[in-house]
Amino acid sequence: MAGENLMATIPQEFFSSMGSLIILLKALGGFIILYLIFSIINLIINRNKRKEISQINKNLEDIKRLLTKKKKK
């Protein structure tokens, strides 16, 4: 009985705006999930790039070391 009285006192505009709010929140949740997936993929790609750059820097240091040894001879 208390629920029926509450439903009668709340205007119908409130329920229609709540429906659009729920749809908006669902869309926002979808965008957040897509953003998280994109961020995880981007994190993996960047980690691989950092490994490659680190390996290139190591190789460059080795090349510099070898060149300086040859110049001293």
C-alpha atoms as a PDB file:
ATOM      1  CA  MET A   1       0.000   0.000   0.000  1.00  0.00           C
ATOM      2  CA  ALA A   2       2.792   2.422   0.817  1.00  0.00           C
ATOM      3  CA  GLY A   3       4.313   1.840  -2.617  1.00  0.00           C
ATOM      4  CA  GLU A   4       1.066   2.754  -4.368  1.00  0.00           C
ATOM      5  CA  ASN A   5       0.841   6.044  -2.461  1.00  0.00           C
ATOM      6  CA  LEU A   6       4.443   6.869  -3.314  1.00  0.00           C
ATOM      7  CA  MET A   7       3.867   6.157  -7.010  1.00  0.00           C
ATOM      8  CA  ALA A   8       0.835   8.434  -7.026  1.00  0.00           C
ATOM      9  CA  THR A   9       2.707  11.351  -5.482  1.00  0.00           C
ATOM     10  CA  ILE A  10       5.731  11.236  -7.836  1.00  0.00           C
ATOM     11  CA  PRO A  11       5.142  13.032 -11.167  1.00  0.00           C
ATOM     12  CA  GLN A  12       5.426  11.049 -14.406  1.00  0.00           C
ATOM     13  CA  GLU A  13       8.126  13.438 -15.722  1.00  0.00           C
ATOM     14  CA  PHE A  14      10.450  12.125 -13.036  1.00  0.00           C
ATOM     15  CA  PHE A  15      10.160   8.578 -14.348  1.00  0.00           C
ATOM     16  CA  SER A  16      10.713   9.617 -17.958  1.00  0.00           C
ATOM     17  CA  SER A  17      13.850  11.548 -17.004  1.00  0.00           C
ATOM     18  CA  MET A  18      15.072   8.550 -14.978  1.00  0.00           C
ATOM     19  CA  GLY A  19      14.764   6.364 -18.073  1.00  0.00           C
ATOM     20  CA  SER A  20      16.962   8.681 -20.109  1.00  0.00           C
ATOM     21  CA  LEU A  21      19.409   8.905 -17.205  1.00  0.00           C
ATOM     22  CA  ILE A  22      19.674   5.118 -17.086  1.00  0.00           C
ATOM     23  CA  ILE A  23      20.316   4.983 -20.839  1.00  0.00           C
ATOM     24  CA  LEU A  24      22.985   7.665 -20.448  1.00  0.00           C
ATOM     25  CA  LEU A  25      24.659   5.729 -17.630  1.00  0.00           C
ATOM     26  CA  LYS A  26      24.650   2.535 -19.713  1.00  0.00           C
ATOM     27  CA  ALA A  27      26.295   4.364 -22.611  1.00  0.00           C
ATOM     28  CA  LEU A  28      28.853   5.898 -20.264  1.00  0.00           C
ATOM     29  CA  GLY A  29      29.620   2.458 -18.844  1.00  0.00           C
ATOM     30  CA  GLY A  30      30.157   1.127 -22.365  1.00  0.00           C
ATOM     31  CA  PHE A  31      32.569   3.947 -23.151  1.00  0.00           C
ATOM     32  CA  ILE A  32      34.477   3.318 -19.933  1.00  0.00           C
ATOM     33  CA  ILE A  33      34.830  -0.379 -20.766  1.00  0.00           C
ATOM     34  CA  LEU A  34      36.058   0.435 -24.280  1.00  0.00           C
ATOM     35  CA  TYR A  35      38.526   2.982 -22.875  1.00  0.00           C
ATOM     36  CA  LEU A  36      39.891   0.418 -20.400  1.00  0.00           C
ATOM     37  CA  ILE A  37      40.359  -2.144 -23.173  1.00  0.00           C
ATOM     38  CA  PHE A  38      42.113   0.475 -25.328  1.00  0.00           C
ATOM     39  CA  SER A  39      44.359   1.477 -22.414  1.00  0.00           C
ATOM     40  CA  ILE A  40      45.378  -2.112 -21.701  1.00  0.00           C
ATOM     41  CA  ILE A  41      46.233  -2.732 -25.358  1.00  0.00           C
ATOM     42  CA  ASN A  42      48.143   0.551 -25.501  1.00  0.00           C
ATOM     43  CA  LEU A  43      50.059  -0.375 -22.330  1.00  0.00           C
ATOM     44  CA  ILE A  44      51.132  -3.707 -23.842  1.00  0.00           C
ATOM     45  CA  ILE A  45      52.239  -2.075 -27.094  1.00  0.00           C
ATOM     46  CA  ASN A  46      54.204   0.630 -25.262  1.00  0.00           C
ATOM     47  CA  ARG A  47      55.904  -1.975 -23.060  1.00  0.00           C
ATOM     48  CA  ASN A  48      57.086  -3.820 -26.171  1.00  0.00           C
ATOM     49  CA  LYS A  49      58.343  -0.570 -27.707  1.00  0.00           C
ATOM     50  CA  ARG A  50      60.260   0.284 -24.532  1.00  0.00           C
ATOM     51  CA  LYS A  51      61.927  -3.144 -24.608  1.00  0.00           C
ATOM     52  CA  GLU A  52      62.962  -2.602 -28.231  1.00  0.00           C
ATOM     53  CA  ILE A  53      64.332   0.868 -27.502  1.00  0.00           C
ATOM     54  CA  SER A  54      66.236  -0.474 -24.508  1.00  0.00           C
ATOM     55  CA  GLN A  55      67.786  -3.184 -26.675  1.00  0.00           C
ATOM     56  CA  ILE A  56      68.732  -0.609 -29.332  1.00  0.00           C
ATOM     57  CA  ASN A  57      70.382   1.589 -26.682  1.00  0.00           C
ATOM     58  CA  LYS A  58      72.325  -1.396 -25.353  1.00  0.00           C
ATOM     59  CA  ASN A  59      73.512  -2.263 -28.866  1.00  0.00           C
ATOM     60  CA  LEU A  60      74.491   1.367 -29.457  1.00  0.00           C
ATOM     61  CA  GLU A  61      76.578   1.399 -26.281  1.00  0.00           C
ATOM     62  CA  ASP A  62      78.310  -1.798 -27.427  1.00  0.00           C
ATOM     63  CA  ILE A  63      79.057  -0.233 -30.821  1.00  0.00           C
ATOM     64  CA  LYS A  64      80.462   2.903 -29.166  1.00  0.00           C
ATOM     65  CA  ARG A  65      82.646   0.780 -26.891  1.00  0.00           C
ATOM     66  CA  LEU A  66      83.998  -1.208 -29.849  1.00  0.00           C
ATOM     67  CA  LEU A  67      84.692   1.950 -31.859  1.00  0.00           C
ATOM     68  CA  THR A  68      86.587   3.599 -29.028  1.00  0.00           C
ATOM     69  CA  LYS A  69      88.730   0.453 -28.582  1.00  0.00           C
ATOM     70  CA  LYS A  70      89.652   0.497 -32.270  1.00  0.00           C
ATOM     71  CA  LYS A  71      90.600   4.190 -32.167  1.00  0.00           C
ATOM     72  CA  LYS A  72      92.955   3.637 -29.215  1.00  0.00           C
ATOM     73  CA  LYS A  73      94.951   0.947 -31.101  1.00  0.00           C
END
